[in-house]
Amino acid sequence: MANTSSTAMSDPAADRALFYAPEVAFDRPIPEVPPVVFADQRNAAFTPDAPTGHIACDIAEALGSPWPATTPTMLARYVVVRSGERLAHQFISTGEVYYVIRGSGETRCAGEGFHWKQGDAFCLPGGQPVEHLGAERAVLMMVTNEPELAYLRAASGESTIAPTLFRAEATEEYLRAVHGRNGEQLSAGKSVVFLSAMMAERRVTTPTMLSSINTLEPGGDQRPHRHSSVALTLSIAGEGVYSLVDGERVDWLPDTLFVTPPNVVHSHHNRGTAMMRSYVVQDTGLHSQLRTTNFGWAD
């Protein structure tokens, strides 16, 4: 990756641009989700003198996560509420789900209140002040999607993507290098991926999306393949180009967008006299975070 610009004048948006030319399809340096048993956290919650509070099932280090997480998108906690005590919290999530393992009590949220007991389950809106009151000592399991919103930078005050300009001249430099490669084709195409500084480590443009310029030489045939990401393909230069999508031929039209559904076999074919060029956006960033990315050749 490098930061290049063909203009002499400094432009902060262009200076932030990072580019990545993949040599292997869907190469994403991201830790796998390990199998974990949270016995210590369970034992801590059920210790008779455990104080009122939360015990997080946090494996952020193993996940490579900057924020507490049990999985890439969920955070689980044991909730302890002693008899006659209160526990208040307000978490940045879109929802909270609970199961009452032991005891009984009451929960107040969003102007309402209800009583619960062992065996009950309930859910609450996220982002709201919540108060739990213990009638008899209670232990609950609580799960939120806080890591998901943290990854999306959806919380108020979270860092966001800085304005970033990917100049055509810089893209051309990378494409020339890509087309100069020799050897077996291990990526789905000859492309340059646009990276924001915030997401450069994940090799995507935004937390959910990857955007790129894809190319194919005159007379070229892309290897048939499939992947979990949906693809939006905008034809930039596509005279004489067509795609095969799940066995159906799709002829490219000028400046026209088409959708390649996830997990269907597809390929591009250039029967024109000029380089095929397209602007492609995929939901790769989301699949990478969920660890659901898959890719396979179909020939």
Protein backbone atom coordinates (compact mmCIF):
# COMPACT_ATOMS: atom_id res chain seq x y z
CA MET A 1 0.00 0.00 0.00
CA ALA A 2 1.19 3.49 -0.70
CA ASN A 3 -0.05 7.03 -0.66
CA THR A 4 0.36 8.69 -4.05
CA SER A 5 -0.94 11.73 -5.87
CA SER A 6 -0.12 13.18 -9.27
CA THR A 7 -0.83 16.75 -8.20
CA ALA A 8 1.76 19.07 -6.70
CA MET A 9 -0.76 20.90 -4.55
CA SER A 10 -1.49 19.27 -1.21
CA ASP A 11 -5.06 18.06 -0.84
CA PRO A 12 -5.87 16.55 2.56
CA ALA A 13 -8.58 14.28 1.13
CA ALA A 14 -6.24 12.94 -1.54
CA ASP A 15 -3.30 12.68 0.86
CA ARG A 16 -5.33 10.24 2.96
CA ALA A 17 -5.94 7.86 0.05
CA LEU A 18 -4.60 4.33 0.41
CA PHE A 19 -4.68 1.67 -2.26
CA TYR A 20 -4.45 -2.11 -2.16
CA ALA A 21 -3.94 -4.39 -5.15
CA PRO A 22 -4.95 -7.89 -4.00
CA GLU A 23 -2.91 -10.85 -5.20
CA VAL A 24 -5.11 -13.43 -3.44
CA ALA A 25 -8.90 -13.32 -3.56
CA PHE A 26 -10.56 -11.97 -0.42
CA ASP A 27 -7.30 -11.75 1.50
CA ARG A 28 -8.46 -10.36 4.87
CA PRO A 29 -6.08 -10.46 7.87
CA ILE A 30 -8.65 -11.04 10.60
CA PRO A 31 -8.59 -13.43 13.60
CA GLU A 32 -10.98 -16.35 13.70
CA VAL A 33 -13.65 -16.65 16.40
CA PRO A 34 -12.32 -19.16 18.95
CA PRO A 35 -14.48 -21.67 20.86
CA VAL A 36 -14.53 -20.52 24.49
CA VAL A 37 -16.24 -21.78 27.65
CA PHE A 38 -16.82 -18.99 30.18
CA ALA A 39 -16.63 -21.13 33.32
CA ASP A 40 -14.71 -18.55 35.36
CA GLN A 41 -17.29 -15.88 34.65
CA ARG A 42 -20.09 -18.27 35.59
CA ASN A 43 -18.38 -19.18 38.84
CA ALA A 44 -17.80 -15.53 39.67
CA ALA A 45 -21.49 -14.73 39.11
CA PHE A 46 -22.67 -17.59 41.31
CA THR A 47 -20.28 -16.91 44.19
CA PRO A 48 -22.61 -16.22 47.16
CA ASP A 49 -20.93 -12.92 48.03
CA ALA A 50 -20.66 -11.69 44.41
CA PRO A 51 -21.53 -7.99 44.37
CA THR A 52 -24.27 -6.44 42.27
CA GLY A 53 -22.84 -5.70 38.84
CA HIS A 54 -21.88 -7.03 35.42
CA ILE A 55 -19.39 -9.80 34.62
CA ALA A 56 -18.44 -9.56 30.95
CA CYS A 57 -17.61 -12.61 28.84
CA ASP A 58 -14.91 -10.68 27.03
CA ILE A 59 -12.40 -12.19 24.57
CA ALA A 60 -11.53 -8.95 22.79
CA GLU A 61 -7.81 -9.78 22.63
CA ALA A 62 -8.41 -13.10 20.86
CA LEU A 63 -10.77 -11.40 18.40
CA GLY A 64 -8.39 -8.52 17.72
CA SER A 65 -11.14 -6.18 18.91
CA PRO A 66 -10.44 -2.69 20.34
CA TRP A 67 -13.64 -2.95 22.40
CA PRO A 68 -15.08 -5.64 24.71
CA ALA A 69 -16.65 -8.48 22.73
CA THR A 70 -17.76 -12.08 23.08
CA THR A 71 -18.15 -12.44 19.31
CA PRO A 72 -17.43 -9.87 16.59
CA THR A 73 -20.98 -8.49 16.97
CA MET A 74 -22.17 -9.48 20.47
CA LEU A 75 -21.15 -8.96 24.07
CA ALA A 76 -22.53 -11.28 26.77
CA ARG A 77 -22.56 -10.48 30.47
CA TYR A 78 -23.65 -12.22 33.62
CA VAL A 79 -25.78 -9.75 35.57
CA VAL A 80 -25.83 -10.06 39.36
CA VAL A 81 -28.48 -8.19 41.37
CA ARG A 82 -28.45 -8.77 45.10
CA SER A 83 -31.66 -8.74 47.12
CA GLY A 84 -32.83 -5.18 47.80
CA GLU A 85 -30.15 -3.63 45.56
CA ARG A 86 -30.34 -1.74 42.27
CA LEU A 87 -28.22 -1.93 39.14
CA ALA A 88 -28.42 0.86 36.57
CA HIS A 89 -26.78 1.00 33.15
CA GLN A 90 -27.09 2.50 29.68
CA PHE A 91 -25.31 0.70 26.84
CA ILE A 92 -24.87 1.75 23.23
CA SER A 93 -26.74 -0.99 21.39
CA THR A 94 -29.87 -1.49 19.32
CA GLY A 95 -31.29 -3.97 21.82
CA GLU A 96 -30.66 -6.02 24.95
CA VAL A 97 -31.83 -9.61 25.50
CA TYR A 98 -31.97 -11.36 28.88
CA TYR A 99 -32.58 -14.74 30.45
CA VAL A 100 -33.23 -15.07 34.20
CA ILE A 101 -31.02 -17.92 35.46
CA ARG A 102 -31.79 -17.52 39.16
CA GLY A 103 -33.84 -15.31 41.44
CA SER A 104 -36.46 -12.64 40.81
CA GLY A 105 -36.75 -8.89 40.52
CA GLU A 106 -37.99 -5.97 38.51
CA THR A 107 -36.71 -4.00 35.53
CA ARG A 108 -37.56 -0.42 34.59
CA CYS A 109 -36.87 1.02 31.15
CA ALA A 110 -38.45 3.48 28.69
CA GLY A 111 -41.08 4.58 31.19
CA GLU A 112 -42.26 1.03 31.92
CA GLY A 113 -41.57 -1.61 34.54
CA PHE A 114 -42.20 -5.33 34.91
CA HIS A 115 -41.40 -8.15 37.31
CA TRP A 116 -39.44 -11.23 36.30
CA LYS A 117 -38.48 -14.57 37.87
CA GLN A 118 -36.32 -17.62 37.16
CA GLY A 119 -36.97 -19.01 33.68
CA ASP A 120 -38.28 -15.73 32.25
CA ALA A 121 -36.69 -14.04 29.27
CA PHE A 122 -37.11 -10.46 28.12
CA CYS A 123 -35.72 -7.83 25.80
CA LEU A 124 -35.22 -4.10 26.08
CA PRO A 125 -34.51 -1.25 23.66
CA GLY A 126 -30.86 -0.35 23.33
CA GLY A 127 -29.37 2.99 24.27
CA GLN A 128 -31.91 3.62 27.04
CA PRO A 129 -31.33 3.98 30.80
CA VAL A 130 -32.11 0.65 32.47
CA GLU A 131 -32.59 -0.12 36.16
CA HIS A 132 -32.79 -3.60 37.67
CA LEU A 133 -34.06 -4.17 41.24
CA GLY A 134 -33.45 -7.43 43.04
CA ALA A 135 -36.30 -9.03 45.02
CA GLU A 136 -34.21 -12.09 45.82
CA ARG A 137 -30.62 -12.49 44.73
CA ALA A 138 -30.70 -12.83 40.95
CA VAL A 139 -28.31 -13.89 38.21
CA LEU A 140 -29.24 -13.12 34.61
CA MET A 141 -27.57 -13.56 31.24
CA MET A 142 -27.58 -10.40 29.16
CA VAL A 143 -26.45 -10.03 25.52
CA THR A 144 -26.18 -6.84 23.48
CA ASN A 145 -24.83 -5.93 20.06
CA GLU A 146 -22.47 -3.26 21.39
CA PRO A 147 -19.48 -4.63 19.42
CA GLU A 148 -21.46 -4.35 16.20
CA LEU A 149 -22.20 -0.66 16.71
CA ALA A 150 -18.64 -0.04 17.88
CA TYR A 151 -17.34 -1.64 14.68
CA LEU A 152 -19.74 0.44 12.58
CA ARG A 153 -18.66 3.56 14.51
CA ALA A 154 -22.36 4.21 15.04
CA ALA A 155 -22.00 5.49 18.59
CA SER A 156 -22.07 9.21 19.22
CA GLY A 157 -18.55 10.60 19.45
CA GLU A 158 -16.92 7.60 17.77
CA SER A 159 -14.18 8.26 15.23
CA THR A 160 -15.43 8.23 11.66
CA ILE A 161 -13.93 7.93 8.21
CA ALA A 162 -12.11 11.09 7.18
CA PRO A 163 -12.94 12.52 3.74
CA THR A 164 -10.73 10.62 1.31
CA LEU A 165 -10.19 11.23 -2.42
CA PHE A 166 -8.89 8.42 -4.66
CA ARG A 167 -7.51 10.23 -7.69
CA ALA A 168 -7.82 8.53 -11.07
CA GLU A 169 -4.14 9.14 -11.79
CA ALA A 170 -3.09 7.25 -8.66
CA THR A 171 -5.46 4.41 -9.49
CA GLU A 172 -3.90 4.14 -12.96
CA GLU A 173 -0.43 3.76 -11.45
CA TYR A 174 -1.59 0.80 -9.39
CA LEU A 175 -3.44 -0.78 -12.29
CA ARG A 176 -0.32 -0.63 -14.45
CA ALA A 177 1.56 -2.49 -11.73
CA VAL A 178 -1.23 -5.06 -11.41
CA HIS A 179 -1.23 -5.77 -15.13
CA GLY A 180 2.54 -6.20 -15.02
CA ARG A 181 2.28 -9.20 -12.74
CA ASN A 182 3.04 -12.70 -13.92
CA GLY A 183 2.10 -16.07 -12.51
CA GLU A 184 -1.03 -17.94 -11.54
CA GLN A 185 -4.19 -15.90 -11.03
CA LEU A 186 -5.13 -16.18 -7.37
CA SER A 187 -7.47 -13.18 -7.21
CA ALA A 188 -10.86 -12.87 -8.88
CA GLY A 189 -9.68 -10.03 -11.11
CA LYS A 190 -7.04 -7.40 -11.73
CA SER A 191 -8.24 -4.67 -9.44
CA VAL A 192 -7.27 -1.86 -7.11
CA VAL A 193 -9.13 -1.54 -3.81
CA PHE A 194 -9.71 1.87 -2.24
CA LEU A 195 -8.86 1.99 1.48
CA SER A 196 -9.72 4.63 4.05
CA ALA A 197 -7.11 5.08 6.77
CA MET A 198 -9.56 3.90 9.44
CA MET A 199 -10.18 0.59 7.67
CA ALA A 200 -6.79 0.02 6.05
CA GLU A 201 -5.90 -2.84 8.40
CA ARG A 202 -9.03 -4.71 7.28
CA ARG A 203 -8.35 -3.82 3.61
CA VAL A 204 -11.82 -2.38 3.01
CA THR A 205 -13.15 1.11 2.35
CA THR A 206 -15.78 1.45 5.09
CA PRO A 207 -16.71 -0.88 7.97
CA THR A 208 -19.25 -2.61 5.72
CA MET A 209 -18.20 -1.88 2.13
CA LEU A 210 -15.26 -2.51 -0.16
CA SER A 211 -14.98 -0.36 -3.29
CA SER A 212 -12.57 -0.95 -6.15
CA ILE A 213 -11.79 -0.56 -9.83
CA ASN A 214 -11.80 -3.90 -11.64
CA THR A 215 -10.32 -4.51 -15.10
CA LEU A 216 -10.05 -7.20 -17.76
CA GLU A 217 -7.93 -7.18 -20.94
CA PRO A 218 -9.48 -7.38 -24.43
CA GLY A 219 -10.20 -11.02 -25.20
CA GLY A 220 -9.91 -11.90 -21.52
CA ASP A 221 -12.09 -14.30 -19.54
CA GLN A 222 -12.39 -14.05 -15.79
CA ARG A 223 -12.31 -17.38 -13.98
CA PRO A 224 -15.79 -18.44 -12.83
CA HIS A 225 -16.10 -18.04 -9.07
CA ARG A 226 -18.50 -17.39 -6.21
CA HIS A 227 -18.28 -15.45 -2.96
CA SER A 228 -20.46 -14.58 0.01
CA SER A 229 -20.47 -10.86 -0.72
CA VAL A 230 -23.06 -9.31 -3.00
CA ALA A 231 -21.48 -7.18 -5.73
CA LEU A 232 -22.72 -3.96 -7.32
CA THR A 233 -20.92 -3.47 -10.63
CA LEU A 234 -20.99 -0.19 -12.55
CA SER A 235 -19.85 -0.49 -16.16
CA ILE A 236 -17.31 2.26 -16.88
CA ALA A 237 -15.74 0.87 -20.07
CA GLY A 238 -17.58 -2.22 -21.20
CA GLU A 239 -18.12 -2.29 -24.95
CA GLY A 240 -18.22 -5.92 -26.03
CA VAL A 241 -18.25 -7.11 -22.42
CA TYR A 242 -20.73 -9.52 -20.88
CA SER A 243 -21.05 -11.45 -17.65
CA LEU A 244 -22.34 -14.91 -16.91
CA VAL A 245 -24.34 -14.81 -13.66
CA ASP A 246 -25.73 -18.13 -12.49
CA GLY A 247 -25.66 -19.32 -16.10
CA GLU A 248 -27.44 -16.26 -17.49
CA ARG A 249 -25.71 -13.85 -19.87
CA VAL A 250 -25.74 -10.18 -18.84
CA ASP A 251 -24.55 -7.80 -21.56
CA TRP A 252 -22.90 -4.69 -20.20
CA LEU A 253 -24.53 -1.33 -20.98
CA PRO A 254 -22.73 2.03 -20.71
CA ASP A 255 -22.69 3.55 -17.22
CA THR A 256 -25.18 0.90 -16.01
CA LEU A 257 -25.22 -0.80 -12.63
CA PHE A 258 -26.08 -4.46 -12.13
CA VAL A 259 -26.21 -6.78 -9.13
CA THR A 260 -24.39 -10.07 -8.71
CA PRO A 261 -26.19 -11.96 -5.92
CA PRO A 262 -24.14 -13.65 -3.19
CA ASN A 263 -22.94 -17.22 -3.59
CA VAL A 264 -23.81 -17.56 -7.29
CA VAL A 265 -21.23 -18.57 -9.89
CA HIS A 266 -20.29 -15.66 -12.12
CA SER A 267 -17.59 -14.47 -14.49
CA HIS A 268 -16.82 -11.53 -16.82
CA HIS A 269 -15.80 -11.80 -20.49
CA ASN A 270 -14.28 -9.09 -22.65
CA ARG A 271 -14.86 -9.44 -26.40
CA GLY A 272 -14.22 -5.79 -27.11
CA THR A 273 -11.05 -4.05 -28.28
CA ALA A 274 -10.44 -1.95 -25.15
CA MET A 275 -9.75 -2.68 -21.49
CA MET A 276 -12.85 -3.56 -19.49
CA ARG A 277 -13.23 -1.31 -16.48
CA SER A 278 -15.82 -1.28 -13.71
CA TYR A 279 -16.43 0.31 -10.34
CA VAL A 280 -17.39 -2.44 -7.89
CA VAL A 281 -18.85 -2.15 -4.40
CA GLN A 282 -19.29 -5.22 -2.19
CA ASP A 283 -20.46 -5.75 1.38
CA THR A 284 -17.16 -7.48 2.08
CA GLY A 285 -16.38 -5.45 5.20
CA LEU A 286 -19.46 -6.76 6.95
CA HIS A 287 -18.71 -10.37 6.02
CA SER A 288 -15.12 -9.96 7.18
CA GLN A 289 -16.26 -8.72 10.57
CA LEU A 290 -18.81 -11.55 10.86
CA ARG A 291 -16.17 -14.10 9.72
CA THR A 292 -18.61 -15.30 7.06
CA THR A 293 -16.41 -14.49 4.05
CA ASN A 294 -16.06 -17.37 1.61
CA PHE A 295 -14.65 -17.56 -1.89
CA GLY A 296 -14.23 -20.43 -4.35
CA TRP A 297 -13.33 -21.04 -7.95
CA ALA A 298 -16.02 -22.79 -9.96
CA ASP A 299 -13.98 -24.03 -12.93
